[in-house]
Amino acid sequence: MSFQMPVTFEEVAVFFSEDEWTLLDEKQKELYRDVLQENYETLLSLDFLCCSL
């Protein structure tokens, strides 16, 4: 038996402060965006999001 709980995107996202964001180079920012987009799409496809953004 599997147990599934709805999650919000904020629960699986990683957030940077403005200062932290400025320390990232462009490749790191691009990777961050790609990973967040992929996580969001995966959660959507699995119906794990409990509310929309």
PDB file of N, CA and C in Angstrom:
ATOM      1  N   MET A   1       0.851  -1.172   0.000  1.00  0.00           N
ATOM      2  CA  MET A   1       0.000   0.000   0.000  1.00  0.00           C
ATOM      3  C   MET A   1       0.901   1.241   0.000  1.00  0.00           C
ATOM      4  N   SER A   2       0.564   2.183  -0.849  1.00  0.00           N
ATOM      5  CA  SER A   2       1.377   3.401  -0.881  1.00  0.00           C
ATOM      6  C   SER A   2       0.576   4.563  -0.307  1.00  0.00           C
ATOM      7  N   PHE A   3       1.264   5.455   0.332  1.00  0.00           N
ATOM      8  CA  PHE A   3       0.643   6.627   0.943  1.00  0.00           C
ATOM      9  C   PHE A   3       1.146   7.863   0.220  1.00  0.00           C
ATOM     10  N   GLN A   4       0.228   8.658  -0.313  1.00  0.00           N
ATOM     11  CA  GLN A   4       0.622   9.863  -1.034  1.00  0.00           C
ATOM     12  C   GLN A   4      -0.031  11.079  -0.396  1.00  0.00           C
ATOM     13  N   MET A   5       0.766  12.111  -0.218  1.00  0.00           N
ATOM     14  CA  MET A   5       0.243  13.373   0.310  1.00  0.00           C
ATOM     15  C   MET A   5       0.483  14.460  -0.721  1.00  0.00           C
ATOM     16  N   PRO A   6      -0.495  15.327  -0.929  1.00  0.00           N
ATOM     17  CA  PRO A   6      -0.262  16.457  -1.835  1.00  0.00           C
ATOM     18  C   PRO A   6       0.815  17.372  -1.268  1.00  0.00           C
ATOM     19  N   VAL A   7       1.610  17.913  -2.152  1.00  0.00           N
ATOM     20  CA  VAL A   7       2.647  18.860  -1.746  1.00  0.00           C
ATOM     21  C   VAL A   7       2.513  20.125  -2.570  1.00  0.00           C
ATOM     22  N   THR A   8       3.037  21.183  -2.053  1.00  0.00           N
ATOM     23  CA  THR A   8       3.068  22.424  -2.816  1.00  0.00           C
ATOM     24  C   THR A   8       4.428  22.537  -3.490  1.00  0.00           C
ATOM     25  N   PHE A   9       4.471  23.333  -4.517  1.00  0.00           N
ATOM     26  CA  PHE A   9       5.730  23.542  -5.213  1.00  0.00           C
ATOM     27  C   PHE A   9       6.768  24.117  -4.256  1.00  0.00           C
ATOM     28  N   GLU A  10       6.337  24.981  -3.362  1.00  0.00           N
ATOM     29  CA  GLU A  10       7.251  25.613  -2.407  1.00  0.00           C
ATOM     30  C   GLU A  10       7.923  24.599  -1.492  1.00  0.00           C
ATOM     31  N   GLU A  11       7.270  23.465  -1.272  1.00  0.00           N
ATOM     32  CA  GLU A  11       7.851  22.442  -0.406  1.00  0.00           C
ATOM     33  C   GLU A  11       9.010  21.702  -1.064  1.00  0.00           C
ATOM     34  N   VAL A  12       9.087  21.738  -2.368  1.00  0.00           N
ATOM     35  CA  VAL A  12      10.169  21.030  -3.054  1.00  0.00           C
ATOM     36  C   VAL A  12      11.130  21.978  -3.762  1.00  0.00           C
ATOM     37  N   ALA A  13      10.841  23.258  -3.710  1.00  0.00           N
ATOM     38  CA  ALA A  13      11.687  24.242  -4.381  1.00  0.00           C
ATOM     39  C   ALA A  13      12.814  24.706  -3.465  1.00  0.00           C
ATOM     40  N   VAL A  14      13.879  25.156  -4.079  1.00  0.00           N
ATOM     41  CA  VAL A  14      14.989  25.763  -3.357  1.00  0.00           C
ATOM     42  C   VAL A  14      14.987  27.243  -3.713  1.00  0.00           C
ATOM     43  N   PHE A  15      15.038  28.083  -2.703  1.00  0.00           N
ATOM     44  CA  PHE A  15      14.985  29.524  -2.936  1.00  0.00           C
ATOM     45  C   PHE A  15      16.295  30.163  -2.509  1.00  0.00           C
ATOM     46  N   PHE A  16      16.725  31.141  -3.296  1.00  0.00           N
ATOM     47  CA  PHE A  16      17.936  31.893  -2.992  1.00  0.00           C
ATOM     48  C   PHE A  16      17.558  33.316  -2.602  1.00  0.00           C
ATOM     49  N   SER A  17      18.300  33.880  -1.676  1.00  0.00           N
ATOM     50  CA  SER A  17      18.132  35.297  -1.380  1.00  0.00           C
ATOM     51  C   SER A  17      18.695  36.083  -2.561  1.00  0.00           C
ATOM     52  N   GLU A  18      18.391  37.354  -2.623  1.00  0.00           N
ATOM     53  CA  GLU A  18      18.924  38.191  -3.698  1.00  0.00           C
ATOM     54  C   GLU A  18      20.456  38.188  -3.690  1.00  0.00           C
ATOM     55  N   ASP A  19      21.032  38.242  -2.496  1.00  0.00           N
ATOM     56  CA  ASP A  19      22.495  38.220  -2.368  1.00  0.00           C
ATOM     57  C   ASP A  19      23.074  36.889  -2.864  1.00  0.00           C
ATOM     58  N   GLU A  20      22.434  35.790  -2.481  1.00  0.00           N
ATOM     59  CA  GLU A  20      22.906  34.480  -2.926  1.00  0.00           C
ATOM     60  C   GLU A  20      22.805  34.353  -4.447  1.00  0.00           C
ATOM     61  N   TRP A  21      21.692  34.854  -4.993  1.00  0.00           N
ATOM     62  CA  TRP A  21      21.472  34.755  -6.438  1.00  0.00           C
ATOM     63  C   TRP A  21      22.572  35.484  -7.213  1.00  0.00           C
ATOM     64  N   THR A  22      22.995  36.626  -6.722  1.00  0.00           N
ATOM     65  CA  THR A  22      24.026  37.393  -7.427  1.00  0.00           C
ATOM     66  C   THR A  22      25.380  36.674  -7.420  1.00  0.00           C
ATOM     67  N   LEU A  23      25.573  35.761  -6.471  1.00  0.00           N
ATOM     68  CA  LEU A  23      26.831  35.014  -6.412  1.00  0.00           C
ATOM     69  C   LEU A  23      26.892  33.861  -7.413  1.00  0.00           C
ATOM     70  N   LEU A  24      25.755  33.481  -7.966  1.00  0.00           N
ATOM     71  CA  LEU A  24      25.724  32.383  -8.934  1.00  0.00           C
ATOM     72  C   LEU A  24      26.164  32.876 -10.304  1.00  0.00           C
ATOM     73  N   ASP A  25      26.881  32.023 -11.029  1.00  0.00           N
ATOM     74  CA  ASP A  25      27.208  32.395 -12.405  1.00  0.00           C
ATOM     75  C   ASP A  25      26.028  32.006 -13.304  1.00  0.00           C
ATOM     76  N   GLU A  26      26.094  32.380 -14.573  1.00  0.00           N
ATOM     77  CA  GLU A  26      24.959  32.162 -15.484  1.00  0.00           C
ATOM     78  C   GLU A  26      24.627  30.689 -15.662  1.00  0.00           C
ATOM     79  N   LYS A  27      25.624  29.833 -15.713  1.00  0.00           N
ATOM     80  CA  LYS A  27      25.381  28.384 -15.854  1.00  0.00           C
ATOM     81  C   LYS A  27      24.651  27.830 -14.633  1.00  0.00           C
ATOM     82  N   GLN A  28      25.004  28.298 -13.449  1.00  0.00           N
ATOM     83  CA  GLN A  28      24.329  27.852 -12.226  1.00  0.00           C
ATOM     84  C   GLN A  28      22.881  28.319 -12.208  1.00  0.00           C
ATOM     85  N   LYS A  29      22.640  29.540 -12.649  1.00  0.00           N
ATOM     86  CA  LYS A  29      21.268  30.066 -12.711  1.00  0.00           C
ATOM     87  C   LYS A  29      20.435  29.278 -13.719  1.00  0.00           C
ATOM     88  N   GLU A  30      21.042  28.957 -14.833  1.00  0.00           N
ATOM     89  CA  GLU A  30      20.343  28.181 -15.859  1.00  0.00           C
ATOM     90  C   GLU A  30      19.999  26.784 -15.337  1.00  0.00           C
ATOM     91  N   LEU A  31      20.950  26.156 -14.666  1.00  0.00           N
ATOM     92  CA  LEU A  31      20.703  24.839 -14.072  1.00  0.00           C
ATOM     93  C   LEU A  31      19.578  24.918 -13.047  1.00  0.00           C
ATOM     94  N   TYR A  32      19.610  25.919 -12.198  1.00  0.00           N
ATOM     95  CA  TYR A  32      18.567  26.121 -11.190  1.00  0.00           C
ATOM     96  C   TYR A  32      17.190  26.206 -11.851  1.00  0.00           C
ATOM     97  N   ARG A  33      17.077  27.033 -12.877  1.00  0.00           N
ATOM     98  CA  ARG A  33      15.790  27.198 -13.586  1.00  0.00           C
ATOM     99  C   ARG A  33      15.335  25.880 -14.200  1.00  0.00           C
ATOM    100  N   ASP A  34      16.264  25.163 -14.824  1.00  0.00           N
ATOM    101  CA  ASP A  34      15.925  23.891 -15.467  1.00  0.00           C
ATOM    102  C   ASP A  34      15.425  22.865 -14.457  1.00  0.00           C
ATOM    103  N   VAL A  35      16.122  22.768 -13.335  1.00  0.00           N
ATOM    104  CA  VAL A  35      15.740  21.790 -12.310  1.00  0.00           C
ATOM    105  C   VAL A  35      14.386  22.149 -11.696  1.00  0.00           C
ATOM    106  N   LEU A  36      14.161  23.417 -11.404  1.00  0.00           N
ATOM    107  CA  LEU A  36      12.868  23.815 -10.858  1.00  0.00           C
ATOM    108  C   LEU A  36      11.739  23.542 -11.843  1.00  0.00           C
ATOM    109  N   GLN A  37      11.971  23.833 -13.106  1.00  0.00           N
ATOM    110  CA  GLN A  37      10.957  23.569 -14.130  1.00  0.00           C
ATOM    111  C   GLN A  37      10.657  22.073 -14.223  1.00  0.00           C
ATOM    112  N   GLU A  38      11.703  21.266 -14.205  1.00  0.00           N
ATOM    113  CA  GLU A  38      11.519  19.816 -14.279  1.00  0.00           C
ATOM    114  C   GLU A  38      10.762  19.294 -13.053  1.00  0.00           C
ATOM    115  N   ASN A  39      11.123  19.772 -11.881  1.00  0.00           N
ATOM    116  CA  ASN A  39      10.417  19.356 -10.659  1.00  0.00           C
ATOM    117  C   ASN A  39       8.944  19.739 -10.720  1.00  0.00           C
ATOM    118  N   TYR A  40       8.683  20.950 -11.171  1.00  0.00           N
ATOM    119  CA  TYR A  40       7.302  21.422 -11.276  1.00  0.00           C
ATOM    120  C   TYR A  40       6.511  20.540 -12.240  1.00  0.00           C
ATOM    121  N   GLU A  41       7.071  20.264 -13.398  1.00  0.00           N
ATOM    122  CA  GLU A  41       6.383  19.438 -14.389  1.00  0.00           C
ATOM    123  C   GLU A  41       6.160  18.018 -13.880  1.00  0.00           C
ATOM    124  N   THR A  42       7.127  17.483 -13.153  1.00  0.00           N
ATOM    125  CA  THR A  42       6.975  16.143 -12.590  1.00  0.00           C
ATOM    126  C   THR A  42       5.846  16.113 -11.571  1.00  0.00           C
ATOM    127  N   LEU A  43       5.816  17.094 -10.689  1.00  0.00           N
ATOM    128  CA  LEU A  43       4.738  17.145  -9.699  1.00  0.00           C
ATOM    129  C   LEU A  43       3.373  17.289 -10.368  1.00  0.00           C
ATOM    130  N   LEU A  44       3.302  18.104 -11.395  1.00  0.00           N
ATOM    131  CA  LEU A  44       2.042  18.255 -12.130  1.00  0.00           C
ATOM    132  C   LEU A  44       1.614  16.931 -12.750  1.00  0.00           C
ATOM    133  N   SER A  45       2.541  16.251 -13.380  1.00  0.00           N
ATOM    134  CA  SER A  45       2.200  15.006 -14.072  1.00  0.00           C
ATOM    135  C   SER A  45       1.747  13.921 -13.092  1.00  0.00           C
ATOM    136  N   LEU A  46       2.230  13.985 -11.874  1.00  0.00           N
ATOM    137  CA  LEU A  46       1.854  13.004 -10.859  1.00  0.00           C
ATOM    138  C   LEU A  46       0.665  13.440 -10.010  1.00  0.00           C
ATOM    139  N   ASP A  47       0.116  14.592 -10.331  1.00  0.00           N
ATOM    140  CA  ASP A  47      -1.000  15.142  -9.544  1.00  0.00           C
ATOM    141  C   ASP A  47      -0.624  15.349  -8.087  1.00  0.00           C
ATOM    142  N   PHE A  48       0.616  15.715  -7.805  1.00  0.00           N
ATOM    143  CA  PHE A  48       1.050  15.924  -6.439  1.00  0.00           C
ATOM    144  C   PHE A  48       0.861  17.349  -5.964  1.00  0.00           C
ATOM    145  N   LEU A  49       0.610  18.266  -6.866  1.00  0.00           N
ATOM    146  CA  LEU A  49       0.438  19.659  -6.449  1.00  0.00           C
ATOM    147  C   LEU A  49      -0.961  19.846  -5.897  1.00  0.00           C
ATOM    148  N   CYS A  50      -1.033  20.478  -4.750  1.00  0.00           N
ATOM    149  CA  CYS A  50      -2.343  20.687  -4.143  1.00  0.00           C
ATOM    150  C   CYS A  50      -2.942  22.020  -4.551  1.00  0.00           C
ATOM    151  N   CYS A  51      -2.132  22.897  -5.121  1.00  0.00           N
ATOM    152  CA  CYS A  51      -2.665  24.190  -5.557  1.00  0.00           C
ATOM    153  C   CYS A  51      -1.791  24.736  -6.677  1.00  0.00           C
ATOM    154  N   SER A  52      -2.381  25.551  -7.516  1.00  0.00           N
ATOM    155  CA  SER A  52      -1.609  26.095  -8.638  1.00  0.00           C
ATOM    156  C   SER A  52      -0.882  27.340  -8.234  1.00  0.00           C
ATOM    157  N   LEU A  53       0.133  27.685  -9.024  1.00  0.00           N
ATOM    158  CA  LEU A  53       0.925  28.900  -8.751  1.00  0.00           C
ATOM    159  C   LEU A  53       0.215  30.110  -9.266  1.00  0.00           C
TER     160      LEU A  53
END
